[in-house]
C-alpha cells in the first residue's frame, strides 16, 4: 500500500496498521507521536488503526539531549 510518511513516498507491507508501519521504519514507539491525515492517533490505538492507500502520515520522534 502506498503512503506518504513525513512528505516521502513509502510502500507499506505488513498487516497495514500503524504498528506495522512503525515496526517497518524501526521507530521507537515510546518516543513517537503520530498523525494520520491531520488527526492525532493515540498510541493505544496504533495496533488496531488501519492505514489506507494514499494516507498521509506525520511522525515526530522525540530525542533527549541538551
N, C-alpha and C. Protein backbone atom coordinates (compact mmCIF):
# COMPACT_ATOMS: atom_id res chain seq x y z
N UNK A 1 0.86 -1.17 0.00
CA UNK A 1 0.00 0.00 0.00
C UNK A 1 0.90 1.23 0.00
N UNK A 2 0.52 2.23 -0.78
CA UNK A 2 1.31 3.45 -0.89
C UNK A 2 0.83 4.49 0.12
N UNK A 3 1.80 5.02 0.88
CA UNK A 3 1.54 6.06 1.86
C UNK A 3 2.52 7.20 1.63
N UNK A 4 2.25 8.32 2.27
CA UNK A 4 3.23 9.40 2.36
C UNK A 4 3.59 9.53 3.83
N UNK A 5 4.87 9.37 4.15
CA UNK A 5 5.34 9.45 5.53
C UNK A 5 6.31 10.63 5.63
N UNK A 6 5.92 11.63 6.40
CA UNK A 6 6.73 12.84 6.55
C UNK A 6 7.12 13.43 5.19
N UNK A 7 6.17 13.41 4.27
CA UNK A 7 6.38 14.02 2.96
C UNK A 7 7.08 13.15 1.94
N UNK A 8 7.41 11.90 2.30
CA UNK A 8 8.12 11.00 1.40
C UNK A 8 7.27 9.77 1.10
N UNK A 9 7.27 9.35 -0.15
CA UNK A 9 6.50 8.16 -0.54
C UNK A 9 7.06 6.93 0.17
N UNK A 10 6.15 6.05 0.61
CA UNK A 10 6.54 4.82 1.31
C UNK A 10 5.58 3.72 0.91
N UNK A 11 6.13 2.54 0.66
CA UNK A 11 5.33 1.35 0.34
C UNK A 11 5.25 0.50 1.60
N UNK A 12 4.05 0.35 2.16
CA UNK A 12 3.86 -0.38 3.41
C UNK A 12 3.55 -1.83 3.17
N UNK A 13 4.28 -2.70 3.85
CA UNK A 13 3.97 -4.13 3.86
C UNK A 13 3.25 -4.44 5.16
N UNK A 14 3.41 -5.63 5.68
CA UNK A 14 2.83 -5.98 6.97
C UNK A 14 1.32 -6.04 6.93
N UNK A 15 0.71 -5.86 8.11
CA UNK A 15 -0.74 -6.00 8.21
C UNK A 15 -1.50 -4.71 7.95
N UNK A 16 -0.79 -3.63 7.59
CA UNK A 16 -1.47 -2.40 7.22
C UNK A 16 -1.89 -1.52 8.38
N UNK A 17 -1.36 -1.80 9.59
CA UNK A 17 -1.69 -0.97 10.75
C UNK A 17 -0.56 0.03 11.01
N UNK A 18 -0.84 0.98 11.88
CA UNK A 18 0.19 1.93 12.28
C UNK A 18 1.35 1.20 12.94
N UNK A 19 1.05 0.21 13.80
CA UNK A 19 2.11 -0.59 14.43
C UNK A 19 3.03 -1.21 13.39
N UNK A 20 2.46 -1.76 12.32
CA UNK A 20 3.27 -2.38 11.27
C UNK A 20 4.18 -1.34 10.61
N UNK A 21 3.66 -0.15 10.37
CA UNK A 21 4.46 0.91 9.77
C UNK A 21 5.63 1.27 10.69
N UNK A 22 5.35 1.47 11.97
CA UNK A 22 6.40 1.84 12.90
C UNK A 22 7.45 0.75 13.02
N UNK A 23 7.02 -0.52 13.03
CA UNK A 23 7.98 -1.63 13.06
C UNK A 23 8.85 -1.62 11.81
N UNK A 24 8.22 -1.40 10.66
CA UNK A 24 8.94 -1.37 9.39
C UNK A 24 9.98 -0.25 9.35
N UNK A 25 9.63 0.88 9.95
CA UNK A 25 10.54 2.03 9.95
C UNK A 25 11.56 1.97 11.08
N UNK A 26 11.40 1.01 12.00
CA UNK A 26 12.32 0.89 13.12
C UNK A 26 12.18 2.00 14.14
N UNK A 27 11.00 2.58 14.24
CA UNK A 27 10.75 3.69 15.17
C UNK A 27 10.66 3.18 16.61
N UNK A 28 11.15 3.98 17.53
CA UNK A 28 10.99 3.70 18.96
C UNK A 28 9.61 4.21 19.36
N UNK A 29 8.68 3.30 19.52
CA UNK A 29 7.28 3.67 19.73
C UNK A 29 7.06 4.53 20.97
N UNK A 30 7.84 4.28 22.01
CA UNK A 30 7.67 5.04 23.25
C UNK A 30 8.04 6.51 23.09
N UNK A 31 8.77 6.83 22.02
CA UNK A 31 9.22 8.21 21.80
C UNK A 31 8.62 8.81 20.53
N UNK A 32 7.50 8.26 20.07
CA UNK A 32 6.91 8.68 18.81
C UNK A 32 5.50 9.23 19.00
N UNK A 33 5.20 10.31 18.31
CA UNK A 33 3.83 10.84 18.20
C UNK A 33 3.46 10.77 16.73
N UNK A 34 2.18 10.56 16.44
CA UNK A 34 1.80 10.28 15.07
C UNK A 34 0.45 10.88 14.71
N UNK A 35 0.38 11.39 13.48
CA UNK A 35 -0.87 11.89 12.92
C UNK A 35 -1.13 11.18 11.59
N UNK A 36 -2.39 10.86 11.33
CA UNK A 36 -2.79 10.29 10.05
C UNK A 36 -3.83 11.22 9.45
N UNK A 37 -3.52 11.74 8.27
CA UNK A 37 -4.41 12.67 7.56
C UNK A 37 -4.83 13.84 8.46
N UNK A 38 -3.89 14.33 9.25
CA UNK A 38 -4.14 15.51 10.08
C UNK A 38 -4.77 15.23 11.42
N UNK A 39 -5.02 13.96 11.73
CA UNK A 39 -5.65 13.59 13.01
C UNK A 39 -4.66 12.84 13.89
N UNK A 40 -4.50 13.30 15.13
CA UNK A 40 -3.64 12.61 16.08
C UNK A 40 -4.24 11.25 16.41
N UNK A 41 -3.38 10.22 16.38
CA UNK A 41 -3.82 8.88 16.74
C UNK A 41 -3.08 8.48 18.01
N UNK A 42 -3.80 8.27 19.12
CA UNK A 42 -3.16 7.88 20.37
C UNK A 42 -2.45 6.53 20.24
N UNK A 43 -1.34 6.37 20.94
CA UNK A 43 -0.54 5.14 20.83
C UNK A 43 -1.34 3.89 21.20
N UNK A 44 -2.33 4.04 22.07
CA UNK A 44 -3.16 2.89 22.44
C UNK A 44 -3.95 2.33 21.26
N UNK A 45 -4.10 3.11 20.20
CA UNK A 45 -4.89 2.70 19.04
C UNK A 45 -4.04 2.25 17.85
N UNK A 46 -2.72 2.32 17.97
CA UNK A 46 -1.87 2.01 16.83
C UNK A 46 -2.02 0.58 16.33
N UNK A 47 -2.20 -0.38 17.22
CA UNK A 47 -2.29 -1.79 16.80
C UNK A 47 -3.59 -2.09 16.08
N UNK A 48 -4.61 -1.26 16.29
CA UNK A 48 -5.92 -1.54 15.69
C UNK A 48 -6.34 -0.52 14.65
N UNK A 49 -5.52 0.50 14.42
CA UNK A 49 -5.88 1.53 13.44
C UNK A 49 -5.31 1.16 12.07
N UNK A 50 -6.19 0.85 11.11
CA UNK A 50 -5.70 0.50 9.78
C UNK A 50 -5.29 1.75 9.01
N UNK A 51 -4.29 1.58 8.18
CA UNK A 51 -3.91 2.63 7.24
C UNK A 51 -4.52 2.28 5.90
N UNK A 52 -4.78 3.31 5.10
CA UNK A 52 -5.40 3.11 3.79
C UNK A 52 -4.51 3.68 2.70
N UNK A 53 -4.70 3.19 1.51
CA UNK A 53 -3.97 3.68 0.35
C UNK A 53 -4.00 5.21 0.31
N UNK A 54 -2.84 5.81 0.09
CA UNK A 54 -2.65 7.26 -0.05
C UNK A 54 -2.83 8.06 1.25
N UNK A 55 -2.85 7.39 2.41
CA UNK A 55 -2.88 8.13 3.67
C UNK A 55 -1.60 8.95 3.82
N UNK A 56 -1.73 10.06 4.52
CA UNK A 56 -0.57 10.91 4.83
C UNK A 56 -0.28 10.79 6.31
N UNK A 57 0.91 10.30 6.62
CA UNK A 57 1.32 10.06 8.00
C UNK A 57 2.43 11.04 8.35
N UNK A 58 2.28 11.69 9.48
CA UNK A 58 3.32 12.57 10.02
C UNK A 58 3.79 11.98 11.33
N UNK A 59 5.09 11.73 11.45
CA UNK A 59 5.67 11.16 12.65
C UNK A 59 6.63 12.15 13.28
N UNK A 60 6.56 12.25 14.58
CA UNK A 60 7.54 13.01 15.35
C UNK A 60 8.21 12.03 16.30
N UNK A 61 9.53 11.99 16.27
CA UNK A 61 10.27 11.12 17.18
C UNK A 61 11.04 12.03 18.14
N UNK A 62 10.75 11.88 19.41
CA UNK A 62 11.37 12.72 20.43
C UNK A 62 12.72 12.15 20.81
N UNK A 63 13.72 13.04 20.88
CA UNK A 63 15.08 12.65 21.19
C UNK A 63 15.55 13.47 22.37
N UNK A 64 16.15 12.82 23.35
CA UNK A 64 16.67 13.52 24.50
C UNK A 64 18.03 14.14 24.17
N UNK A 65 18.43 15.06 24.97
CA UNK A 65 19.73 15.71 24.78
C UNK A 65 19.69 17.12 25.29
N UNK A 66 20.75 17.80 25.11
CA UNK A 66 20.74 19.15 25.63
C UNK A 66 21.82 20.01 25.14
